[in-house]
Amino acid sequence: MKVLIVDDNASTRKVLSVILRKTGHEVVGEAEDGKSALKAFVELWPEVVLLDIIMPGISGIVVLEEMRRINPEAKIIILTAVDQDEVTKELAEKGAAAVIFKPFTHEELKETFERLK
C-alpha cells in the first residue's frame, strides 16, 4: 500500500517508515504538520495515511475531516497517545479506519494494516 506518514516527531516518522518498508508498503511521503499533510495528501494520493492527532497548527482531527472530504476512500489510521473511549468514538465517527495508541508495537501496526485489506 502507498502510505503517507504524518507526525510532528521526526523519530516517530523514521520508525514508522522503516517498519512499513520492511513489511512491503511504499512510503510515498511524510509530513510534520497538518498544513503540509493536506498538501501531500492531494499531491501524492496515498491509499493509507498514518495521522497523528496532536500536531502544531491544524489538529489531526481537522486534517482527518478534510482528508475524508477530499477522498472518502482513503484509509486513515490515527496515531494518538490519548486513550479515551470518547476520543476513539469521535475519531471513528469522523471516518478513521483505525486508531493505534502510542506507544505501539511493530505487531500492532502490522495487524492494523492487515485488517485494512
N, C-alpha and C. Protein backbone atom coordinates (compact mmCIF):
# COMPACT_ATOMS: atom_id res chain seq x y z
N MET A 1 0.84 -1.19 0.00
CA MET A 1 0.00 0.00 0.00
C MET A 1 0.88 1.25 0.00
N LYS A 2 0.37 2.30 -0.63
CA LYS A 2 1.06 3.59 -0.65
C LYS A 2 0.64 4.36 0.60
N VAL A 3 1.65 4.76 1.40
CA VAL A 3 1.37 5.33 2.72
C VAL A 3 1.99 6.72 2.86
N LEU A 4 1.21 7.62 3.46
CA LEU A 4 1.68 8.94 3.87
C LEU A 4 1.76 8.94 5.39
N ILE A 5 2.92 9.31 5.94
CA ILE A 5 3.11 9.36 7.39
C ILE A 5 3.06 10.82 7.85
N VAL A 6 2.17 11.10 8.81
CA VAL A 6 2.02 12.46 9.32
C VAL A 6 2.20 12.44 10.84
N ASP A 7 3.30 13.01 11.29
CA ASP A 7 3.60 13.09 12.73
C ASP A 7 4.60 14.21 12.92
N ASP A 8 4.44 15.00 13.97
CA ASP A 8 5.36 16.11 14.20
C ASP A 8 6.70 15.65 14.77
N ASN A 9 6.81 14.39 15.15
CA ASN A 9 8.05 13.86 15.70
C ASN A 9 8.83 13.11 14.61
N ALA A 10 10.01 13.63 14.27
CA ALA A 10 10.82 13.04 13.20
C ALA A 10 11.22 11.60 13.51
N SER A 11 11.50 11.30 14.76
CA SER A 11 11.89 9.94 15.14
C SER A 11 10.74 8.96 14.91
N THR A 12 9.54 9.38 15.24
CA THR A 12 8.38 8.53 15.03
C THR A 12 8.18 8.27 13.54
N ARG A 13 8.32 9.32 12.72
CA ARG A 13 8.18 9.15 11.28
C ARG A 13 9.22 8.17 10.75
N LYS A 14 10.44 8.26 11.25
CA LYS A 14 11.51 7.38 10.77
C LYS A 14 11.21 5.92 11.14
N VAL A 15 10.81 5.68 12.39
CA VAL A 15 10.50 4.32 12.84
C VAL A 15 9.35 3.74 12.01
N LEU A 16 8.30 4.53 11.83
CA LEU A 16 7.16 4.07 11.04
C LEU A 16 7.59 3.75 9.61
N SER A 17 8.40 4.60 9.04
CA SER A 17 8.86 4.38 7.67
C SER A 17 9.64 3.08 7.54
N VAL A 18 10.53 2.82 8.47
CA VAL A 18 11.33 1.59 8.44
C VAL A 18 10.42 0.36 8.57
N ILE A 19 9.51 0.39 9.52
CA ILE A 19 8.60 -0.74 9.73
C ILE A 19 7.75 -0.98 8.49
N LEU A 20 7.19 0.08 7.95
CA LEU A 20 6.31 -0.07 6.79
C LEU A 20 7.05 -0.62 5.58
N ARG A 21 8.23 -0.12 5.34
CA ARG A 21 9.02 -0.62 4.19
C ARG A 21 9.38 -2.09 4.38
N LYS A 22 9.73 -2.46 5.60
CA LYS A 22 10.09 -3.86 5.87
C LYS A 22 8.89 -4.80 5.71
N THR A 23 7.69 -4.27 5.84
CA THR A 23 6.50 -5.10 5.70
C THR A 23 5.86 -4.97 4.32
N GLY A 24 6.61 -4.39 3.38
CA GLY A 24 6.18 -4.38 1.99
C GLY A 24 5.36 -3.19 1.53
N HIS A 25 5.26 -2.16 2.35
CA HIS A 25 4.49 -0.99 1.95
C HIS A 25 5.42 0.07 1.36
N GLU A 26 4.84 0.95 0.57
CA GLU A 26 5.59 2.03 -0.05
C GLU A 26 5.26 3.34 0.66
N VAL A 27 6.25 3.94 1.30
CA VAL A 27 6.06 5.23 1.96
C VAL A 27 6.24 6.30 0.88
N VAL A 28 5.13 6.92 0.50
CA VAL A 28 5.18 7.89 -0.59
C VAL A 28 5.49 9.30 -0.12
N GLY A 29 5.38 9.53 1.20
CA GLY A 29 5.69 10.85 1.72
C GLY A 29 5.55 10.93 3.22
N GLU A 30 6.07 12.04 3.74
CA GLU A 30 5.98 12.33 5.18
C GLU A 30 5.61 13.80 5.34
N ALA A 31 4.94 14.09 6.45
CA ALA A 31 4.59 15.47 6.78
C ALA A 31 4.69 15.65 8.28
N GLU A 32 5.03 16.87 8.69
CA GLU A 32 5.23 17.13 10.13
C GLU A 32 4.13 17.98 10.75
N ASP A 33 3.20 18.46 9.94
CA ASP A 33 2.09 19.24 10.48
C ASP A 33 0.87 19.10 9.56
N GLY A 34 -0.24 19.63 10.02
CA GLY A 34 -1.49 19.48 9.28
C GLY A 34 -1.48 20.12 7.91
N LYS A 35 -0.93 21.31 7.80
CA LYS A 35 -0.90 22.01 6.52
C LYS A 35 -0.12 21.22 5.47
N SER A 36 1.08 20.78 5.83
CA SER A 36 1.88 20.01 4.87
C SER A 36 1.27 18.63 4.61
N ALA A 37 0.53 18.10 5.60
CA ALA A 37 -0.14 16.80 5.42
C ALA A 37 -1.22 16.91 4.34
N LEU A 38 -2.01 17.95 4.39
CA LEU A 38 -3.07 18.12 3.40
C LEU A 38 -2.48 18.34 2.00
N LYS A 39 -1.41 19.11 1.93
CA LYS A 39 -0.74 19.34 0.64
C LYS A 39 -0.23 18.02 0.07
N ALA A 40 0.46 17.23 0.90
CA ALA A 40 1.00 15.94 0.46
C ALA A 40 -0.13 14.97 0.09
N PHE A 41 -1.21 15.01 0.83
CA PHE A 41 -2.35 14.12 0.57
C PHE A 41 -2.90 14.35 -0.83
N VAL A 42 -3.07 15.60 -1.20
CA VAL A 42 -3.61 15.95 -2.52
C VAL A 42 -2.60 15.60 -3.61
N GLU A 43 -1.33 15.89 -3.37
CA GLU A 43 -0.30 15.65 -4.39
C GLU A 43 0.02 14.17 -4.58
N LEU A 44 0.06 13.41 -3.50
CA LEU A 44 0.53 12.02 -3.55
C LEU A 44 -0.59 10.99 -3.65
N TRP A 45 -1.78 11.35 -3.25
CA TRP A 45 -2.96 10.49 -3.29
C TRP A 45 -2.67 9.10 -2.70
N PRO A 46 -2.26 9.05 -1.41
CA PRO A 46 -1.93 7.76 -0.78
C PRO A 46 -3.17 6.91 -0.54
N GLU A 47 -2.95 5.61 -0.43
CA GLU A 47 -4.04 4.69 -0.10
C GLU A 47 -4.33 4.72 1.40
N VAL A 48 -3.25 4.92 2.18
CA VAL A 48 -3.35 4.92 3.64
C VAL A 48 -2.58 6.12 4.19
N VAL A 49 -3.14 6.72 5.24
CA VAL A 49 -2.46 7.81 5.94
C VAL A 49 -2.34 7.40 7.40
N LEU A 50 -1.12 7.50 7.94
CA LEU A 50 -0.90 7.36 9.38
C LEU A 50 -0.87 8.79 9.91
N LEU A 51 -1.85 9.16 10.72
CA LEU A 51 -2.05 10.55 11.10
C LEU A 51 -2.03 10.74 12.61
N ASP A 52 -1.08 11.54 13.08
CA ASP A 52 -1.02 11.90 14.49
C ASP A 52 -2.13 12.92 14.76
N ILE A 53 -2.67 12.92 15.95
CA ILE A 53 -3.75 13.84 16.30
C ILE A 53 -3.21 15.17 16.82
N ILE A 54 -2.23 15.11 17.71
CA ILE A 54 -1.72 16.33 18.33
C ILE A 54 -0.48 16.81 17.58
N MET A 55 -0.69 17.89 16.80
CA MET A 55 0.38 18.47 15.99
C MET A 55 0.28 19.98 16.05
N PRO A 56 1.35 20.67 15.71
CA PRO A 56 1.28 22.13 15.66
C PRO A 56 0.39 22.59 14.51
N GLY A 57 -0.25 23.74 14.69
CA GLY A 57 -1.10 24.27 13.63
C GLY A 57 -2.44 23.57 13.61
N ILE A 58 -2.78 22.99 12.49
CA ILE A 58 -4.07 22.31 12.31
C ILE A 58 -4.06 20.98 13.06
N SER A 59 -5.06 20.71 13.85
CA SER A 59 -5.12 19.46 14.61
C SER A 59 -5.37 18.28 13.68
N GLY A 60 -4.98 17.11 14.11
CA GLY A 60 -5.18 15.90 13.34
C GLY A 60 -6.65 15.61 13.08
N ILE A 61 -7.53 16.00 14.01
CA ILE A 61 -8.96 15.76 13.81
C ILE A 61 -9.47 16.59 12.63
N VAL A 62 -9.05 17.84 12.54
CA VAL A 62 -9.44 18.69 11.41
C VAL A 62 -8.86 18.13 10.12
N VAL A 63 -7.62 17.67 10.16
CA VAL A 63 -6.97 17.08 8.99
C VAL A 63 -7.73 15.83 8.55
N LEU A 64 -8.11 14.99 9.50
CA LEU A 64 -8.89 13.79 9.21
C LEU A 64 -10.17 14.16 8.46
N GLU A 65 -10.90 15.12 8.98
CA GLU A 65 -12.16 15.54 8.34
C GLU A 65 -11.93 16.04 6.92
N GLU A 66 -10.89 16.83 6.74
CA GLU A 66 -10.60 17.38 5.42
C GLU A 66 -10.16 16.28 4.45
N MET A 67 -9.33 15.37 4.90
CA MET A 67 -8.90 14.25 4.04
C MET A 67 -10.09 13.39 3.63
N ARG A 68 -10.99 13.14 4.56
CA ARG A 68 -12.18 12.34 4.24
C ARG A 68 -13.08 13.08 3.25
N ARG A 69 -13.12 14.42 3.33
CA ARG A 69 -13.89 15.20 2.37
C ARG A 69 -13.26 15.12 0.98
N ILE A 70 -11.93 15.22 0.93
CA ILE A 70 -11.21 15.18 -0.35
C ILE A 70 -11.29 13.81 -1.00
N ASN A 71 -11.06 12.77 -0.20
CA ASN A 71 -11.09 11.40 -0.73
C ASN A 71 -11.71 10.46 0.29
N PRO A 72 -13.01 10.24 0.20
CA PRO A 72 -13.68 9.38 1.17
C PRO A 72 -13.19 7.93 1.16
N GLU A 73 -12.49 7.52 0.12
CA GLU A 73 -11.99 6.15 0.01
C GLU A 73 -10.66 5.94 0.75
N ALA A 74 -9.97 7.01 1.07
CA ALA A 74 -8.67 6.89 1.75
C ALA A 74 -8.85 6.27 3.13
N LYS A 75 -7.92 5.41 3.48
CA LYS A 75 -7.94 4.77 4.79
C LYS A 75 -7.00 5.57 5.69
N ILE A 76 -7.55 6.12 6.75
CA ILE A 76 -6.76 6.97 7.64
C ILE A 76 -6.68 6.31 9.00
N ILE A 77 -5.44 6.01 9.40
CA ILE A 77 -5.17 5.38 10.70
C ILE A 77 -4.67 6.47 11.62
N ILE A 78 -5.33 6.62 12.74
CA ILE A 78 -4.96 7.65 13.71
C ILE A 78 -3.91 7.10 14.67
N LEU A 79 -2.89 7.91 14.92
CA LEU A 79 -1.87 7.62 15.93
C LEU A 79 -2.10 8.60 17.06
N THR A 80 -2.25 8.10 18.26
CA THR A 80 -2.50 9.01 19.38
C THR A 80 -2.01 8.43 20.70
N ALA A 81 -1.66 9.31 21.59
CA ALA A 81 -1.29 8.90 22.94
C ALA A 81 -2.49 9.04 23.87
N VAL A 82 -3.59 9.58 23.35
CA VAL A 82 -4.80 9.80 24.13
C VAL A 82 -5.69 8.57 24.04
N ASP A 83 -5.74 7.79 25.11
CA ASP A 83 -6.54 6.57 25.13
C ASP A 83 -7.81 6.81 25.93
N GLN A 84 -8.80 7.37 25.26
CA GLN A 84 -10.09 7.63 25.90
C GLN A 84 -11.19 7.15 24.97
N ASP A 85 -12.17 6.47 25.52
CA ASP A 85 -13.26 5.93 24.71
C ASP A 85 -13.98 7.02 23.91
N GLU A 86 -14.18 8.19 24.52
CA GLU A 86 -14.88 9.27 23.83
C GLU A 86 -14.11 9.73 22.60
N VAL A 87 -12.80 9.86 22.73
CA VAL A 87 -11.96 10.29 21.62
C VAL A 87 -11.99 9.24 20.52
N THR A 88 -11.85 7.97 20.88
CA THR A 88 -11.87 6.89 19.91
C THR A 88 -13.20 6.86 19.16
N LYS A 89 -14.29 7.04 19.87
CA LYS A 89 -15.61 7.05 19.25
C LYS A 89 -15.74 8.22 18.28
N GLU A 90 -15.28 9.40 18.69
CA GLU A 90 -15.35 10.57 17.81
C GLU A 90 -14.53 10.36 16.54
N LEU A 91 -13.35 9.76 16.67
CA LEU A 91 -12.50 9.51 15.51
C LEU A 91 -13.17 8.54 14.54
N ALA A 92 -13.79 7.51 15.07
CA ALA A 92 -14.49 6.54 14.22
C ALA A 92 -15.65 7.22 13.50
N GLU A 93 -16.37 8.08 14.20
CA GLU A 93 -17.50 8.80 13.59
C GLU A 93 -17.04 9.73 12.49
N LYS A 94 -15.82 10.23 12.61
CA LYS A 94 -15.28 11.15 11.61
C LYS A 94 -14.60 10.42 10.46
N GLY A 95 -14.59 9.09 10.50
CA GLY A 95 -14.09 8.32 9.37
C GLY A 95 -12.74 7.66 9.52
N ALA A 96 -12.19 7.64 10.72
CA ALA A 96 -10.90 6.96 10.91
C ALA A 96 -11.09 5.46 10.68
N ALA A 97 -10.18 4.86 9.92
CA ALA A 97 -10.24 3.42 9.64
C ALA A 97 -9.81 2.61 10.86
N ALA A 98 -8.91 3.20 11.67
CA ALA A 98 -8.40 2.52 12.87
C ALA A 98 -7.72 3.56 13.76
N VAL A 99 -7.53 3.19 15.00
CA VAL A 99 -6.79 4.03 15.95
C VAL A 99 -5.71 3.16 16.58
N ILE A 100 -4.47 3.66 16.54
CA ILE A 100 -3.34 2.98 17.17
C ILE A 100 -2.83 3.89 18.29
N PHE A 101 -2.71 3.32 19.48
CA PHE A 101 -2.26 4.11 20.62
C PHE A 101 -0.76 4.01 20.80
N LYS A 102 -0.15 5.19 21.02
CA LYS A 102 1.29 5.25 21.29
C LYS A 102 1.50 4.92 22.76
N PRO A 103 2.54 4.24 23.12
CA PRO A 103 3.49 3.57 22.21
C PRO A 103 2.86 2.31 21.63
N PHE A 104 3.20 2.01 20.40
CA PHE A 104 2.65 0.85 19.72
C PHE A 104 3.79 -0.11 19.39
N THR A 105 3.42 -1.34 19.10
CA THR A 105 4.41 -2.34 18.71
C THR A 105 4.38 -2.54 17.20
N HIS A 106 5.44 -3.10 16.70
CA HIS A 106 5.53 -3.45 15.28
C HIS A 106 4.36 -4.36 14.90
N GLU A 107 4.04 -5.29 15.76
CA GLU A 107 2.96 -6.25 15.51
C GLU A 107 1.61 -5.55 15.44
N GLU A 108 1.36 -4.58 16.32
CA GLU A 108 0.10 -3.83 16.29
C GLU A 108 -0.07 -3.10 14.96
N LEU A 109 1.01 -2.48 14.50
CA LEU A 109 0.98 -1.76 13.24
C LEU A 109 0.70 -2.73 12.08
N LYS A 110 1.40 -3.84 12.09
CA LYS A 110 1.24 -4.85 11.04
C LYS A 110 -0.19 -5.38 11.02
N GLU A 111 -0.74 -5.70 12.18
CA GLU A 111 -2.12 -6.23 12.27
C GLU A 111 -3.14 -5.20 11.79
N THR A 112 -2.91 -3.95 12.10
CA THR A 112 -3.83 -2.90 11.66
C THR A 112 -3.85 -2.81 10.14
N PHE A 113 -2.68 -2.87 9.53
CA PHE A 113 -2.61 -2.83 8.06
C PHE A 113 -3.26 -4.06 7.45
N GLU A 114 -3.11 -5.21 8.08
CA GLU A 114 -3.74 -6.44 7.58
C GLU A 114 -5.25 -6.31 7.57
N ARG A 115 -5.80 -5.68 8.59
CA ARG A 115 -7.26 -5.51 8.67
C ARG A 115 -7.80 -4.57 7.60
N LEU A 116 -6.95 -3.69 7.07
CA LEU A 116 -7.39 -2.72 6.05
C LEU A 116 -7.58 -3.35 4.68
N LYS A 117 -6.96 -4.49 4.46
CA LYS A 117 -7.01 -5.11 3.12
C LYS A 117 -8.38 -5.63 2.78
